[in-house]
Amino acid sequence: MIIAQNISGRFSSSLYSFERADAAGEMTNNIRSFQTLQLSLSKSNFALRTRMNLEVNLTNKLKDDPRLRFYNLYLEGRDLFGLATLKIGRIPVFSSVAGGVYDGADLKLKYADFRVNAFYGGIVPAYQKLEINSDFANNYFMSGEVKYVGLENFTFSAGYADKNVKPESYLTTRLDENYDPVTVLIQKASSQYKYLTGGIAYVKDGFADIYTNYEFDLNFVTTSKFEVAGRYSQIENLGIDIYYGYREPRVRYNSIFSVFDFGNTSEIEVGADYQVVPGITVIGKYGSVQYKDDNSGRITAGLSTEYGTFNYRKTLGYAGELDAVSVGTARSFMDGFITPSLAVSYTTYKLSADSEENSLVSLLGGVNVRPWRFLSFDLQGQYISNKIYKNDFRVFFKLNHWFSTNLGLL
């Protein structure tokens, strides 16, 4: 009996050049290197997956260089006993409350019309070092969710999320009552999120998609967020989108900005896209955000074709005045062997109607060369000019290698 094993992944090597000015205004040229490995080792229902990155400055060493980051590293068992999927290790977690990467365990259960997901893990150290947090009791994230899919086209969900972060203590200098400098130990209290979540989704291909999301803050006993997003596509070549969102800022948990007066925001956006002919689609959106004592609007218009895209965006009101135009194109030739790309944008902006106007120009040009399916090269130039960065030019080079090997063992 042959048991199939598979080793697959992608290796990328990148170089990024830029200039940096120090406090005295002296310029230094920097070339930063990134080596990224995405690897999957699988056998039957089990797999070991990882994505890691090694970065270092080749010209002027930066603090904490070289940095070896582990974005994920976990063992996965799928369809265990016909009802469970288990991940153990450094796992990416997708959560509207506190998404991120954690060291822990993720369990998914599937039985009849119910889906259950439970997670518990510790917060990873700075720079995603391959170290385990020694204080899980004060630095953790746990969550649980139950879904019901027994009603056709509907999904109902309810969940709980709890995240606690304890900042590290540090020593600093302060002035005492006689204005003499003294060393003080700063110990901040933990920041904790506790939320109840819920949602209803309705999905019917070719007709409409509707998603709702609700979050209730248990610490402050109030609604934190409510969202409704929908798309209607029953009319031929026409799609209509609508979004409504109500949010309460979370700055009071862990930010100095909590001392300022702030209020909730509510937002609504409506848009449509119409396919004029195959390959050409016109897009338009209008959004409005209501703040505590003011409001802001935004307008988006665009054209999408097989040769490129054109977009215009305007904001006005409390969020500032902005006009932005961008054009981009990318086209493959010789069966994907070479793909040049070009993007240009011009933006004018000011904080209010009476403020000074500033402008920004950005240019991106590059080429992708793929001589074989498993190997490609990217070369890209990036240019920006505005009030702060005068004629900033950077160069980016990247090599990608995909690999996949099946091993047959007796």
Protein backbone atom coordinates (compact mmCIF):
# COMPACT_ATOMS: atom_id res chain seq x y z
CA MET A 1 0.00 0.00 0.00
CA ILE A 2 1.44 3.36 -1.05
CA ILE A 3 1.21 6.25 1.46
CA ALA A 4 1.55 9.65 -0.22
CA GLN A 5 3.71 12.34 1.37
CA ASN A 6 3.97 15.89 0.08
CA ILE A 7 6.51 18.66 0.61
CA SER A 8 5.41 21.99 -0.87
CA GLY A 9 5.97 25.67 -0.37
CA ARG A 10 7.58 28.83 -1.65
CA PHE A 11 10.93 30.48 -1.06
CA SER A 12 11.35 34.22 -1.68
CA SER A 13 14.48 36.33 -1.59
CA SER A 14 14.11 40.12 -1.69
CA LEU A 15 16.29 43.22 -1.68
CA TYR A 16 14.91 46.65 -0.82
CA SER A 17 16.99 49.82 -1.12
CA PHE A 18 16.20 53.15 0.57
CA GLU A 19 17.80 56.23 2.10
CA ARG A 20 17.50 57.30 5.73
CA ALA A 21 18.30 60.64 7.39
CA ASP A 22 19.61 60.76 10.96
CA ALA A 23 19.01 63.51 13.54
CA ALA A 24 21.83 65.61 12.05
CA GLY A 25 20.40 65.36 8.55
CA GLU A 26 23.11 63.00 7.28
CA MET A 27 21.86 60.58 4.63
CA THR A 28 22.74 56.87 4.60
CA ASN A 29 22.00 54.35 1.88
CA ASN A 30 20.42 51.10 3.06
CA ILE A 31 19.90 47.75 1.39
CA ARG A 32 17.64 45.45 3.37
CA SER A 33 17.40 41.73 2.65
CA PHE A 34 14.35 39.53 3.25
CA GLN A 35 14.44 35.73 3.01
CA THR A 36 10.99 34.16 3.34
CA LEU A 37 10.10 30.47 3.49
CA GLN A 38 6.57 29.10 3.36
CA LEU A 39 6.65 25.33 3.93
CA SER A 40 4.09 22.55 4.25
CA LEU A 41 4.89 18.92 5.09
CA SER A 42 1.82 16.71 4.84
CA LYS A 43 0.99 13.04 5.20
CA SER A 44 -2.52 11.67 5.16
CA ASN A 45 -4.65 13.94 7.43
CA PHE A 46 -1.69 15.56 9.15
CA ALA A 47 0.46 18.53 8.15
CA LEU A 48 3.23 20.67 9.58
CA ARG A 49 3.00 24.26 8.27
CA THR A 50 5.24 27.26 8.77
CA ARG A 51 6.03 30.68 7.37
CA MET A 52 9.22 32.37 8.52
CA ASN A 53 11.24 35.39 7.51
CA LEU A 54 14.88 36.40 8.02
CA GLU A 55 15.59 40.10 7.55
CA VAL A 56 18.80 42.08 7.90
CA ASN A 57 20.38 45.28 6.66
CA LEU A 58 23.31 44.50 4.36
CA THR A 59 24.84 48.00 4.50
CA ASN A 60 24.08 49.63 7.86
CA LYS A 61 23.06 47.31 10.67
CA LEU A 62 19.86 48.28 12.44
CA LYS A 63 18.90 47.55 16.03
CA ASP A 64 17.94 43.91 16.70
CA ASP A 65 19.33 42.75 13.34
CA PRO A 66 19.22 40.07 12.12
CA ARG A 67 15.56 39.34 12.82
CA LEU A 68 14.19 35.83 12.38
CA ARG A 69 10.40 36.02 12.47
CA PHE A 70 8.08 33.01 12.73
CA TYR A 71 4.67 34.14 11.51
CA ASN A 72 3.26 30.65 11.98
CA LEU A 73 4.50 27.18 12.92
CA TYR A 74 1.87 24.60 13.75
CA LEU A 75 0.87 20.97 13.47
CA GLU A 76 -2.55 20.38 11.91
CA GLY A 77 -4.74 17.30 12.03
CA ARG A 78 -7.75 17.43 9.69
CA ASP A 79 -10.99 15.46 9.82
CA LEU A 80 -9.99 13.54 12.94
CA PHE A 81 -12.58 10.87 13.80
CA GLY A 82 -14.69 12.42 11.06
CA LEU A 83 -15.59 15.51 13.10
CA ALA A 84 -12.56 17.51 14.34
CA THR A 85 -9.70 19.64 13.04
CA LEU A 86 -6.94 20.50 15.53
CA LYS A 87 -4.03 22.94 15.23
CA ILE A 88 -1.27 23.24 17.83
CA GLY A 89 1.59 25.76 17.71
CA ARG A 90 1.94 29.32 16.47
CA ILE A 91 -1.38 29.90 14.76
CA PRO A 92 -2.87 32.83 12.81
CA VAL A 93 -6.30 33.70 14.23
CA PHE A 94 -8.91 35.65 12.29
CA SER A 95 -11.14 37.56 14.69
CA SER A 96 -12.89 40.92 14.41
CA VAL A 97 -12.15 41.49 18.11
CA ALA A 98 -8.46 40.58 18.39
CA GLY A 99 -7.10 38.88 15.30
CA GLY A 100 -3.39 38.09 15.09
CA VAL A 101 -0.83 35.35 15.71
CA TYR A 102 -0.81 33.40 18.99
CA ASP A 103 0.94 30.37 20.48
CA GLY A 104 -1.76 27.92 21.44
CA ALA A 105 -4.36 25.44 20.24
CA ASP A 106 -7.30 25.78 17.86
CA LEU A 107 -10.08 23.18 17.76
CA LYS A 108 -12.88 23.00 15.18
CA LEU A 109 -15.74 20.52 15.54
CA LYS A 110 -18.35 19.67 12.92
CA TYR A 111 -21.42 17.67 13.86
CA ALA A 112 -24.73 17.58 11.98
CA ASP A 113 -25.78 21.23 11.38
CA PHE A 114 -23.50 22.69 14.04
CA ARG A 115 -19.95 24.06 13.82
CA VAL A 116 -17.94 24.78 16.99
CA ASN A 117 -14.61 26.60 17.17
CA ALA A 118 -12.53 27.09 20.33
CA PHE A 119 -9.12 28.73 20.71
CA TYR A 120 -6.71 29.48 23.53
CA GLY A 121 -3.21 30.90 23.17
CA GLY A 122 -0.56 33.26 24.46
CA ILE A 123 0.60 36.49 22.86
CA VAL A 124 3.82 36.07 20.88
CA PRO A 125 6.96 38.07 21.78
CA ALA A 126 8.16 41.12 19.84
CA TYR A 127 9.37 40.54 16.27
CA GLN A 128 7.63 37.12 16.27
CA LYS A 129 10.63 35.48 17.94
CA LEU A 130 10.47 31.71 18.34
CA GLU A 131 9.96 31.92 22.08
CA ILE A 132 7.02 30.96 24.29
CA ASN A 133 5.38 33.59 26.46
CA SER A 134 6.16 32.65 30.07
CA ASP A 135 3.14 34.52 31.47
CA PHE A 136 0.06 33.08 29.74
CA ALA A 137 -2.08 34.05 32.74
CA ASN A 138 -1.67 37.76 31.93
CA ASN A 139 -0.99 37.65 28.17
CA TYR A 140 -3.53 35.49 26.40
CA PHE A 141 -6.39 35.36 23.93
CA MET A 142 -9.29 32.92 24.17
CA SER A 143 -12.39 32.66 22.05
CA GLY A 144 -15.27 30.34 21.26
CA GLU A 145 -17.94 30.34 18.57
CA VAL A 146 -20.95 28.20 17.67
CA LYS A 147 -22.52 28.23 14.20
CA TYR A 148 -25.79 26.73 12.98
CA VAL A 149 -26.10 26.00 9.24
CA GLY A 150 -29.25 23.89 9.23
CA LEU A 151 -31.45 26.47 7.52
CA GLU A 152 -30.89 26.75 3.77
CA ASN A 153 -28.80 29.78 2.72
CA PHE A 154 -28.52 30.97 6.34
CA THR A 155 -25.71 30.83 8.91
CA PHE A 156 -26.28 31.86 12.52
CA SER A 157 -23.32 32.40 14.87
CA ALA A 158 -22.69 33.36 18.50
CA GLY A 159 -19.36 33.68 20.27
CA TYR A 160 -17.20 34.98 23.09
CA ALA A 161 -13.74 36.63 22.92
CA ASP A 162 -11.38 37.53 25.76
CA LYS A 163 -7.95 39.11 25.33
CA ASN A 164 -5.63 40.28 28.10
CA VAL A 165 -2.32 42.11 27.63
CA LYS A 166 -0.02 43.14 30.47
CA PRO A 167 2.55 45.76 29.36
CA GLU A 168 6.13 45.22 30.48
CA SER A 169 7.35 47.31 33.40
CA TYR A 170 10.20 49.76 32.79
CA LEU A 171 12.40 52.31 34.59
CA THR A 172 12.38 55.99 33.66
CA THR A 173 13.35 59.39 35.06
CA ARG A 174 10.78 61.68 36.66
CA LEU A 175 10.92 64.87 38.80
CA ASP A 176 10.00 64.69 42.47
CA GLU A 177 8.26 67.41 44.48
CA ASN A 178 11.56 69.34 44.66
CA TYR A 179 12.05 69.03 40.90
CA ASP A 180 14.98 66.68 41.36
CA PRO A 181 15.34 63.76 38.92
CA VAL A 182 14.52 60.37 40.39
CA THR A 183 14.26 56.89 38.87
CA VAL A 184 10.71 55.52 38.85
CA LEU A 185 9.40 52.04 38.02
CA ILE A 186 6.43 52.29 35.66
CA GLN A 187 3.95 49.45 36.01
CA LYS A 188 0.86 49.70 33.83
CA ALA A 189 -2.31 47.80 34.47
CA SER A 190 -3.44 45.09 32.08
CA SER A 191 -5.62 45.89 29.10
CA GLN A 192 -8.46 43.45 28.69
CA TYR A 193 -11.11 42.98 26.02
CA LYS A 194 -14.21 40.91 26.77
CA TYR A 195 -16.84 40.67 24.06
CA LEU A 196 -19.92 38.73 23.14
CA THR A 197 -20.33 38.41 19.38
CA GLY A 198 -23.10 37.33 17.05
CA GLY A 199 -23.96 37.31 13.39
CA ILE A 200 -26.40 36.22 10.69
CA ALA A 201 -25.39 35.56 7.10
CA TYR A 202 -27.62 34.94 4.08
CA VAL A 203 -25.91 33.79 0.90
CA LYS A 204 -27.70 32.81 -2.29
CA ASP A 205 -25.60 32.74 -5.45
CA GLY A 206 -26.90 34.97 -8.21
CA PHE A 207 -29.38 36.73 -5.96
CA ALA A 208 -28.09 38.38 -2.78
CA ASP A 209 -25.47 38.16 -0.05
CA ILE A 210 -26.17 39.68 3.39
CA TYR A 211 -23.82 39.65 6.38
CA THR A 212 -24.38 41.05 9.87
CA ASN A 213 -21.94 41.30 12.77
CA TYR A 214 -22.60 42.40 16.36
CA GLU A 215 -20.15 42.93 19.24
CA PHE A 216 -21.09 43.67 22.85
CA ASP A 217 -18.46 45.01 25.27
CA LEU A 218 -18.83 43.17 28.58
CA ASN A 219 -16.44 45.44 30.48
CA PHE A 220 -18.39 48.61 29.67
CA VAL A 221 -21.77 46.90 29.17
CA THR A 222 -22.47 48.56 25.85
CA THR A 223 -22.66 47.86 22.13
CA SER A 224 -19.20 48.12 20.61
CA LYS A 225 -19.91 47.45 16.94
CA PHE A 226 -22.77 46.59 14.63
CA GLU A 227 -22.34 46.02 10.89
CA VAL A 228 -24.58 45.06 7.99
CA ALA A 229 -23.19 44.45 4.50
CA GLY A 230 -25.18 43.30 1.51
CA ARG A 231 -24.92 42.79 -2.22
CA TYR A 232 -27.81 42.41 -4.67
CA SER A 233 -26.98 40.85 -8.04
CA GLN A 234 -30.32 39.79 -9.49
CA ILE A 235 -30.21 42.37 -12.30
CA GLU A 236 -28.07 41.29 -15.25
CA ASN A 237 -24.59 42.90 -15.32
CA LEU A 238 -25.45 45.07 -12.31
CA GLY A 239 -24.32 44.65 -8.72
CA ILE A 240 -25.56 46.86 -5.87
CA ASP A 241 -23.69 47.05 -2.56
CA ILE A 242 -24.75 48.62 0.73
CA TYR A 243 -22.96 48.86 4.07
CA TYR A 244 -23.89 50.23 7.48
CA GLY A 245 -21.60 50.28 10.48
CA TYR A 246 -21.77 51.58 14.05
CA ARG A 247 -18.51 51.63 16.05
CA GLU A 248 -17.36 52.63 19.47
CA PRO A 249 -13.65 53.54 19.75
CA ARG A 250 -11.46 51.16 21.74
CA VAL A 251 -8.77 53.74 22.54
CA ARG A 252 -9.80 53.82 26.22
CA TYR A 253 -8.31 50.36 26.75
CA ASN A 254 -4.65 50.95 26.03
CA SER A 255 -4.00 54.40 24.61
CA ILE A 256 -3.15 57.86 25.89
CA PHE A 257 -5.86 59.12 23.51
CA SER A 258 -8.43 57.85 26.00
CA VAL A 259 -8.05 61.18 27.86
CA PHE A 260 -9.65 63.02 24.94
CA ASP A 261 -13.35 63.47 24.42
CA PHE A 262 -14.50 61.03 21.77
CA GLY A 263 -17.76 59.64 20.52
CA ASN A 264 -19.20 56.83 18.50
CA THR A 265 -19.31 56.89 14.73
CA SER A 266 -21.89 55.55 12.32
CA GLU A 267 -21.19 54.97 8.66
CA ILE A 268 -23.23 54.14 5.58
CA GLU A 269 -22.03 53.45 2.06
CA VAL A 270 -23.91 52.57 -1.11
CA GLY A 271 -22.36 51.58 -4.40
CA ALA A 272 -22.92 49.86 -7.70
CA ASP A 273 -20.88 48.25 -10.46
CA TYR A 274 -22.14 47.77 -14.00
CA GLN A 275 -20.54 45.68 -16.71
CA VAL A 276 -20.94 47.76 -19.86
CA VAL A 277 -19.45 45.08 -22.10
CA PRO A 278 -17.41 41.98 -21.20
CA GLY A 279 -14.11 43.20 -19.75
CA ILE A 280 -15.27 46.75 -18.93
CA THR A 281 -16.96 47.57 -15.61
CA VAL A 282 -17.95 50.98 -14.22
CA ILE A 283 -17.88 51.40 -10.42
CA GLY A 284 -19.36 54.12 -8.20
CA LYS A 285 -19.73 54.51 -4.41
CA TYR A 286 -20.81 57.14 -1.91
CA GLY A 287 -20.16 56.96 1.81
CA SER A 288 -21.02 59.13 4.79
CA VAL A 289 -19.60 59.00 8.33
CA GLN A 290 -21.42 60.64 11.24
CA TYR A 291 -19.16 61.71 14.13
CA LYS A 292 -20.16 63.06 17.52
CA ASP A 293 -20.71 66.65 16.35
CA ASP A 294 -19.90 66.56 12.65
CA ASN A 295 -19.89 64.41 9.53
CA SER A 296 -17.76 63.52 6.55
CA GLY A 297 -18.45 62.20 3.06
CA ARG A 298 -16.50 60.31 0.43
CA ILE A 299 -17.07 59.65 -3.26
CA THR A 300 -15.41 56.88 -5.27
CA ALA A 301 -15.65 56.36 -9.02
CA GLY A 302 -13.73 53.90 -11.13
CA LEU A 303 -13.36 52.04 -14.38
CA SER A 304 -12.03 48.49 -14.55
CA THR A 305 -10.90 46.97 -17.84
CA GLU A 306 -8.73 44.08 -18.95
CA TYR A 307 -6.01 46.64 -19.78
CA GLY A 308 -5.99 48.51 -16.47
CA THR A 309 -7.95 50.47 -13.89
CA PHE A 310 -8.82 54.12 -13.27
CA ASN A 311 -10.00 55.40 -9.88
CA TYR A 312 -11.05 58.75 -8.47
CA ARG A 313 -11.67 59.38 -4.78
CA LYS A 314 -12.87 62.49 -2.97
CA THR A 315 -13.42 63.09 0.73
CA LEU A 316 -14.94 66.20 2.29
CA GLY A 317 -16.11 67.42 5.64
CA TYR A 318 -14.73 66.63 9.10
CA ALA A 319 -12.23 64.00 7.83
CA GLY A 320 -10.52 66.58 5.62
CA GLU A 321 -10.57 67.58 1.98
CA LEU A 322 -8.95 65.13 -0.44
CA ASP A 323 -8.94 64.52 -4.19
CA ALA A 324 -7.05 61.52 -5.54
CA VAL A 325 -6.67 60.10 -9.05
CA SER A 326 -4.89 56.82 -9.77
CA VAL A 327 -4.26 54.82 -12.93
CA GLY A 328 -2.72 51.37 -13.04
CA THR A 329 -2.08 48.68 -15.61
CA ALA A 330 -0.41 45.29 -15.87
CA ARG A 331 -0.30 43.06 -18.91
CA SER A 332 1.19 39.62 -19.51
CA PHE A 333 2.96 38.70 -22.73
CA MET A 334 4.39 35.50 -24.21
CA ASP A 335 2.10 33.21 -22.19
CA GLY A 336 2.97 34.89 -18.90
CA PHE A 337 6.73 34.97 -19.45
CA ILE A 338 6.90 38.73 -18.91
CA THR A 339 4.42 41.04 -17.15
CA PRO A 340 5.21 44.76 -17.00
CA SER A 341 3.19 46.99 -14.66
CA LEU A 342 2.77 50.72 -14.13
CA ALA A 343 0.76 52.80 -11.65
CA VAL A 344 0.53 56.56 -11.20
CA SER A 345 -1.39 58.59 -8.63
CA TYR A 346 -1.84 62.27 -7.83
CA THR A 347 -3.43 63.49 -4.61
CA THR A 348 -4.24 66.89 -3.13
CA TYR A 349 -5.33 67.15 0.49
CA LYS A 350 -5.90 69.58 3.37
CA LEU A 351 -7.22 69.23 6.89
CA SER A 352 -10.14 71.60 6.34
CA ALA A 353 -11.58 73.83 3.65
CA ASP A 354 -9.54 76.79 4.97
CA SER A 355 -6.23 74.93 5.50
CA GLU A 356 -3.13 74.91 3.33
CA GLU A 357 -3.35 72.48 0.41
CA ASN A 358 -0.67 69.82 -0.04
CA SER A 359 -0.03 67.50 -2.95
CA LEU A 360 1.42 64.04 -3.33
CA VAL A 361 2.71 62.27 -6.45
CA SER A 362 3.54 58.58 -6.53
CA LEU A 363 4.82 56.39 -9.34
CA LEU A 364 5.31 52.66 -9.41
CA GLY A 365 6.86 50.77 -12.31
CA GLY A 366 7.99 47.18 -12.48
CA VAL A 367 8.29 43.96 -14.39
CA ASN A 368 7.73 40.31 -13.51
CA VAL A 369 9.64 37.66 -15.44
CA ARG A 370 8.59 34.01 -15.08
CA PRO A 371 10.73 31.74 -17.28
CA TRP A 372 9.32 28.60 -15.62
CA ARG A 373 6.21 27.87 -13.58
CA PHE A 374 8.31 27.37 -10.43
CA LEU A 375 10.51 30.47 -10.72
CA SER A 376 9.85 34.20 -11.12
CA PHE A 377 11.70 37.50 -10.73
CA ASP A 378 10.27 40.91 -9.80
CA LEU A 379 11.95 44.28 -10.22
CA GLN A 380 10.08 47.38 -9.08
CA GLY A 381 10.83 51.07 -8.71
CA GLN A 382 8.84 53.21 -6.25
CA TYR A 383 8.79 57.01 -6.31
CA ILE A 384 6.97 59.47 -4.04
CA SER A 385 7.11 63.22 -3.61
CA ASN A 386 5.18 65.32 -1.09
CA LYS A 387 5.72 67.98 1.55
CA ILE A 388 7.66 65.64 3.83
CA TYR A 389 9.43 63.27 1.40
CA LYS A 390 11.05 65.14 -1.47
CA ASN A 391 11.73 62.92 -4.48
CA ASP A 392 11.90 59.68 -2.49
CA PHE A 393 12.96 56.80 -4.77
CA ARG A 394 13.26 53.13 -3.75
CA VAL A 395 14.11 49.91 -5.57
CA PHE A 396 12.67 46.48 -4.79
CA PHE A 397 13.87 43.13 -6.19
CA LYS A 398 12.33 39.75 -5.44
CA LEU A 399 12.92 36.13 -6.44
CA ASN A 400 10.16 33.53 -5.97
CA HIS A 401 10.62 29.76 -6.14
CA TRP A 402 7.67 27.38 -5.79
CA PHE A 403 8.25 23.72 -5.07
CA SER A 404 6.17 20.60 -4.53
CA THR A 405 7.36 17.03 -4.19
CA ASN A 406 5.38 13.84 -3.66
CA LEU A 407 7.18 10.97 -1.97
CA GLY A 408 5.83 7.42 -2.21
CA LEU A 409 6.73 5.14 0.70
CA LEU A 410 5.81 1.53 1.30
